[in-house]
Amino acid sequence: MSRVVLVVEDEPLIRLSALAIVEEAGYEAVEARNADEAITILERRADVRVVFTDVDMPGTMDGLRLAKYIRDRWPPIFLIVASGKAIVREGDLPLGALFFSKPYQEHAIADSIRSLLAQT
């Protein structure tokens, strides 16, 4: 079973923290600074099982559009979306995606990743 989590976050310190959460939970963490990098990684790697993305990012799409794109193109990938600014309603998220407001509890993210991957 693949244990790869793609972290998509434009803020370097937050990205490093998120990568640490993933790695400390026992998973391989791959990083992207924006949606374009994330899509490139997903096109090259078939082993990513979870994408953990921020909403507010520069580039061609924000994290919500990225999550919807991933759901359409790679339906088996689990999605975790986080934001410290955006107000996200359940209808804004793709089916099955989880949402966390920043600052989030590290254990909540790790527990969610474990729970999602236990479904496979």
Protein backbone atom coordinates (compact mmCIF):
# COMPACT_ATOMS: atom_id res chain seq x y z
CA MET A 1 0.00 0.00 0.00
CA SER A 2 1.30 3.43 -0.94
CA ARG A 3 1.93 5.81 1.93
CA VAL A 4 2.72 8.97 -0.06
CA VAL A 5 1.18 12.33 0.84
CA LEU A 6 1.55 15.38 -1.40
CA VAL A 7 1.63 18.63 0.59
CA VAL A 8 0.68 21.71 -1.46
CA GLU A 9 1.47 24.95 0.38
CA ASP A 10 3.01 28.21 -0.85
CA GLU A 11 4.20 29.50 2.55
CA PRO A 12 7.61 27.88 3.23
CA LEU A 13 7.33 27.64 7.04
CA ILE A 14 3.81 26.23 6.94
CA ARG A 15 4.87 23.79 4.20
CA LEU A 16 7.83 22.58 6.29
CA SER A 17 5.54 22.13 9.29
CA ALA A 18 3.01 20.16 7.22
CA LEU A 19 5.77 17.99 5.76
CA ALA A 20 6.98 17.25 9.30
CA ILE A 21 3.46 16.26 10.38
CA VAL A 22 3.22 13.80 7.50
CA GLU A 23 6.68 12.33 8.06
CA GLU A 24 6.27 12.05 11.84
CA ALA A 25 3.03 10.14 11.20
CA GLY A 26 5.10 7.60 9.24
CA TYR A 27 4.29 8.60 5.68
CA GLU A 28 6.43 9.77 2.78
CA ALA A 29 5.90 13.49 2.18
CA VAL A 30 6.26 15.11 -1.24
CA GLU A 31 6.03 18.89 -1.56
CA ALA A 32 4.64 21.36 -4.06
CA ARG A 33 4.53 25.16 -3.79
CA ASN A 34 1.39 25.58 -5.89
CA ALA A 35 -1.26 23.76 -7.90
CA ASP A 36 0.81 23.68 -11.08
CA GLU A 37 3.67 21.88 -9.31
CA ALA A 38 1.18 19.54 -7.65
CA ILE A 39 -0.36 18.55 -10.99
CA THR A 40 3.08 17.93 -12.49
CA ILE A 41 3.96 15.66 -9.55
CA LEU A 42 0.66 13.78 -9.82
CA GLU A 43 1.21 13.26 -13.55
CA ARG A 44 4.61 11.70 -12.82
CA ARG A 45 3.83 9.71 -9.68
CA ALA A 46 1.15 7.07 -9.42
CA ASP A 47 1.88 6.41 -5.74
CA VAL A 48 0.36 9.57 -4.20
CA ARG A 49 -2.65 8.55 -2.10
CA VAL A 50 -3.42 11.80 -0.22
CA VAL A 51 -3.17 15.45 -1.22
CA PHE A 52 -3.05 17.95 1.66
CA THR A 53 -3.53 21.42 0.15
CA ASP A 54 -3.88 25.00 1.25
CA VAL A 55 -6.69 27.04 -0.32
CA ASP A 56 -4.99 30.41 -0.84
CA MET A 57 -2.11 30.00 -3.29
CA PRO A 58 -0.72 31.97 -6.20
CA GLY A 59 -0.78 30.49 -9.66
CA THR A 60 -3.37 29.25 -12.11
CA MET A 61 -5.70 27.80 -9.47
CA ASP A 62 -6.30 27.88 -5.75
CA GLY A 63 -6.52 24.83 -3.50
CA LEU A 64 -10.27 24.38 -3.94
CA ARG A 65 -9.97 24.30 -7.72
CA LEU A 66 -6.98 21.98 -7.36
CA ALA A 67 -8.99 19.62 -5.15
CA LYS A 68 -11.84 19.53 -7.67
CA TYR A 69 -9.37 18.95 -10.52
CA ILE A 70 -7.76 16.07 -8.63
CA ARG A 71 -11.15 14.54 -7.80
CA ASP A 72 -12.09 14.63 -11.51
CA ARG A 73 -8.76 13.38 -12.86
CA TRP A 74 -7.55 11.07 -10.07
CA PRO A 75 -10.71 10.02 -8.16
CA PRO A 76 -8.99 7.52 -5.81
CA ILE A 77 -6.77 10.22 -4.24
CA PHE A 78 -7.94 11.40 -0.83
CA LEU A 79 -8.13 15.15 -0.26
CA ILE A 80 -7.47 17.30 2.80
CA VAL A 81 -7.99 21.05 2.35
CA ALA A 82 -6.89 23.74 4.82
CA SER A 83 -7.27 27.50 5.02
CA GLY A 84 -6.63 30.28 7.48
CA LYS A 85 -8.50 32.88 5.44
CA ALA A 86 -11.11 31.38 3.14
CA ILE A 87 -14.56 30.49 4.38
CA VAL A 88 -15.16 27.03 2.97
CA ARG A 89 -18.60 25.48 2.99
CA GLU A 90 -19.18 21.77 2.57
CA GLY A 91 -20.59 22.36 -0.93
CA ASP A 92 -17.33 24.06 -1.95
CA LEU A 93 -15.37 20.84 -1.43
CA PRO A 94 -15.27 17.81 -3.71
CA LEU A 95 -17.10 14.76 -2.42
CA GLY A 96 -15.17 13.09 0.40
CA ALA A 97 -12.69 15.93 0.96
CA LEU A 98 -11.89 16.96 4.51
CA PHE A 99 -11.49 20.61 5.58
CA PHE A 100 -9.42 22.08 8.41
CA SER A 101 -9.20 25.71 9.48
CA LYS A 102 -5.73 27.05 10.23
CA PRO A 103 -4.19 26.86 12.65
CA TYR A 104 -5.03 23.16 12.70
CA GLN A 105 -4.08 20.63 15.31
CA GLU A 106 -1.15 18.53 14.09
CA HIS A 107 -2.60 15.32 15.51
CA ALA A 108 -5.91 15.97 13.71
CA ILE A 109 -4.14 16.05 10.35
CA ALA A 110 -2.11 12.93 11.13
CA ASP A 111 -5.21 11.11 12.41
CA SER A 112 -7.15 12.09 9.27
CA ILE A 113 -4.38 10.79 7.00
CA ARG A 114 -4.32 7.49 8.94
CA SER A 115 -8.10 7.20 8.75
CA LEU A 116 -8.22 7.94 5.02
CA LEU A 117 -5.47 5.47 4.18
CA ALA A 118 -7.10 2.79 6.34
CA GLN A 119 -10.01 2.87 3.84
CA THR A 120 -7.82 1.47 1.06
